[in-house]
Amino acid sequence: MNPTKLSLVSFVILVGTVGALYAEHSLIARTTVGLVLQGLAIALMVWARVTFGMRSFHAAANPTAGGLVCSGPYKFWRHPIYAAVLLLVWAGVLSQGMMPKVIAVVLAILATAMTVVRIVSEEVLLRASMPEYAAYAQRTKRLVPFVF
């Protein structure tokens, strides 16, 4: 499957898993720490979307339009929107109590896997269309600044 189609399929599954977590009452955090982390995730997502502009609103990977963005949160993360989604999901699931529902953990793992598929798909397209992406990728971490 080509990277654009793979990204689209993973996006649909990712949205479905987040919706399922919400339906299972496992998406919204139940602790103060979880809510603070989710607030930070939302702030990061807004900052990244504002920095990236309207072109970030797409279901299929189309990262080549408009050039490489290296400012704002993209100075520290290659994928701050995906980092925010994962923080939102895991903060919600892990703040549900001592034993989160098995289905919630499975859905969070699936959301993480689909996020990885999107990241890899987009990076394939970026590397093919933007020679400067390789240098950017070497100096900028994917999801956790200065770590990974």
Protein backbone atom coordinates (compact mmCIF):
# COMPACT_ATOMS: atom_id res chain seq x y z
CA MET A 1 0.00 0.00 0.00
CA ASN A 2 1.39 3.44 -0.83
CA PRO A 3 2.19 5.81 2.05
CA THR A 4 -0.74 8.16 1.36
CA LYS A 5 -3.33 5.37 1.41
CA LEU A 6 -1.71 3.74 4.43
CA SER A 7 -1.82 7.07 6.25
CA LEU A 8 -5.50 7.51 5.40
CA VAL A 9 -6.41 4.02 6.65
CA SER A 10 -4.46 4.57 9.88
CA PHE A 11 -6.15 7.95 10.35
CA VAL A 12 -9.60 6.37 10.11
CA ILE A 13 -8.64 3.67 12.61
CA LEU A 14 -7.04 6.25 14.93
CA VAL A 15 -10.17 8.40 14.94
CA GLY A 16 -12.24 5.27 15.56
CA THR A 17 -10.11 4.26 18.55
CA VAL A 18 -10.33 7.72 20.10
CA GLY A 19 -14.10 7.65 19.58
CA ALA A 20 -14.29 4.20 21.14
CA LEU A 21 -12.25 5.38 24.14
CA TYR A 22 -14.70 8.23 24.58
CA ALA A 23 -17.66 5.83 24.32
CA GLU A 24 -16.01 3.56 26.91
CA HIS A 25 -15.67 6.56 29.26
CA SER A 26 -11.91 6.07 29.22
CA LEU A 27 -10.74 9.11 27.25
CA ILE A 28 -11.37 11.95 29.70
CA ALA A 29 -8.96 11.88 32.64
CA ARG A 30 -10.33 11.38 36.15
CA THR A 31 -7.39 12.75 38.11
CA THR A 32 -5.95 16.22 38.45
CA VAL A 33 -2.63 15.11 37.00
CA GLY A 34 -4.38 13.44 34.07
CA LEU A 35 -6.48 16.52 33.40
CA VAL A 36 -3.41 18.78 33.53
CA LEU A 37 -1.61 16.49 31.08
CA GLN A 38 -4.62 16.51 28.79
CA GLY A 39 -4.76 20.31 29.01
CA LEU A 40 -1.09 20.44 28.01
CA ALA A 41 -1.82 18.04 25.15
CA ILE A 42 -4.61 20.28 23.87
CA ALA A 43 -2.40 23.38 24.18
CA LEU A 44 0.37 21.62 22.24
CA MET A 45 -2.07 20.56 19.54
CA VAL A 46 -3.43 24.09 19.16
CA TRP A 47 0.10 25.57 19.06
CA ALA A 48 1.16 23.03 16.41
CA ARG A 49 -1.95 23.59 14.28
CA VAL A 50 -1.58 27.37 14.42
CA THR A 51 2.11 27.09 13.52
CA PHE A 52 1.50 24.60 10.72
CA GLY A 53 -1.50 26.44 9.34
CA MET A 54 -4.60 25.23 7.54
CA ARG A 55 -2.67 22.65 5.55
CA SER A 56 -2.52 20.46 8.66
CA PHE A 57 -6.23 19.67 8.35
CA HIS A 58 -6.11 16.57 6.16
CA ALA A 59 -6.87 12.92 6.62
CA ALA A 60 -4.37 11.56 4.10
CA ALA A 61 -0.68 12.31 4.40
CA ASN A 62 0.07 15.39 2.33
CA PRO A 63 3.00 16.92 4.15
CA THR A 64 4.69 18.29 1.05
CA ALA A 65 2.43 21.30 0.46
CA GLY A 66 3.95 24.60 1.56
CA GLY A 67 7.45 23.52 2.59
CA LEU A 68 9.02 22.22 5.75
CA VAL A 69 7.92 23.85 9.01
CA CYS A 70 10.71 24.09 11.60
CA SER A 71 9.37 26.78 13.93
CA GLY A 72 7.09 26.77 16.96
CA PRO A 73 6.73 23.29 18.42
CA TYR A 74 8.26 21.85 15.23
CA LYS A 75 11.60 23.19 16.49
CA PHE A 76 11.46 20.56 19.26
CA TRP A 77 9.17 17.82 17.84
CA ARG A 78 8.87 16.49 14.31
CA HIS A 79 5.30 15.41 15.10
CA PRO A 80 3.86 17.57 17.90
CA ILE A 81 0.24 16.93 16.87
CA TYR A 82 0.73 13.18 17.13
CA ALA A 83 2.60 13.63 20.41
CA ALA A 84 -0.39 15.60 21.69
CA VAL A 85 -2.85 12.92 20.58
CA LEU A 86 -0.84 10.21 22.34
CA LEU A 87 -0.53 12.28 25.51
CA LEU A 88 -4.28 12.95 25.48
CA VAL A 89 -5.12 9.26 24.98
CA TRP A 90 -2.66 7.79 27.50
CA ALA A 91 -3.33 10.44 30.16
CA GLY A 92 -7.00 9.56 29.90
CA VAL A 93 -6.57 5.79 29.96
CA LEU A 94 -3.98 5.70 32.74
CA SER A 95 -5.92 8.04 35.02
CA GLN A 96 -9.02 5.84 35.19
CA GLY A 97 -8.01 4.15 38.42
CA MET A 98 -5.69 1.42 39.62
CA MET A 99 -6.79 -0.97 36.89
CA PRO A 100 -7.87 0.67 33.64
CA LYS A 101 -10.25 -1.38 31.53
CA VAL A 102 -8.49 -3.92 29.33
CA ILE A 103 -10.42 -2.64 26.30
CA ALA A 104 -9.18 0.90 27.01
CA VAL A 105 -5.56 -0.24 27.13
CA VAL A 106 -6.01 -2.23 23.92
CA LEU A 107 -7.58 0.79 22.22
CA ALA A 108 -4.75 3.05 23.43
CA ILE A 109 -2.19 0.58 22.07
CA LEU A 110 -4.06 0.51 18.75
CA ALA A 111 -4.14 4.33 18.69
CA THR A 112 -0.39 4.35 19.34
CA ALA A 113 0.23 1.84 16.54
CA MET A 114 -1.87 3.84 14.08
CA THR A 115 -0.01 7.00 15.06
CA VAL A 116 3.29 5.26 14.32
CA VAL A 117 1.96 4.15 10.93
CA ARG A 118 1.00 7.76 10.12
CA ILE A 119 4.38 9.07 11.24
CA VAL A 120 6.30 6.56 9.14
CA SER A 121 4.04 7.15 6.12
CA GLU A 122 4.46 10.91 6.31
CA GLU A 123 8.21 10.65 6.81
CA VAL A 124 8.54 8.49 3.68
CA LEU A 125 6.78 11.22 1.68
CA LEU A 126 8.79 14.00 3.32
CA ARG A 127 12.13 12.31 2.69
CA ALA A 128 11.19 11.74 -0.95
CA SER A 129 10.06 15.31 -1.62
CA MET A 130 12.18 17.48 0.68
CA PRO A 131 15.95 16.91 0.74
CA GLU A 132 16.25 19.17 3.81
CA TYR A 133 14.04 16.80 5.82
CA ALA A 134 16.95 14.42 6.54
CA ALA A 135 18.94 17.13 8.36
CA TYR A 136 15.80 18.30 10.20
CA ALA A 137 15.08 14.70 11.28
CA GLN A 138 18.62 14.30 12.61
CA ARG A 139 18.39 17.34 14.87
CA THR A 140 14.72 17.04 15.94
CA LYS A 141 13.14 14.17 17.88
CA ARG A 142 9.89 12.56 16.72
CA LEU A 143 7.62 12.59 19.77
CA VAL A 144 9.55 13.41 22.97
CA PRO A 145 11.83 16.45 22.73
CA PHE A 146 15.52 15.68 23.29
CA VAL A 147 14.71 11.95 23.87
CA PHE A 148 12.84 10.19 21.01
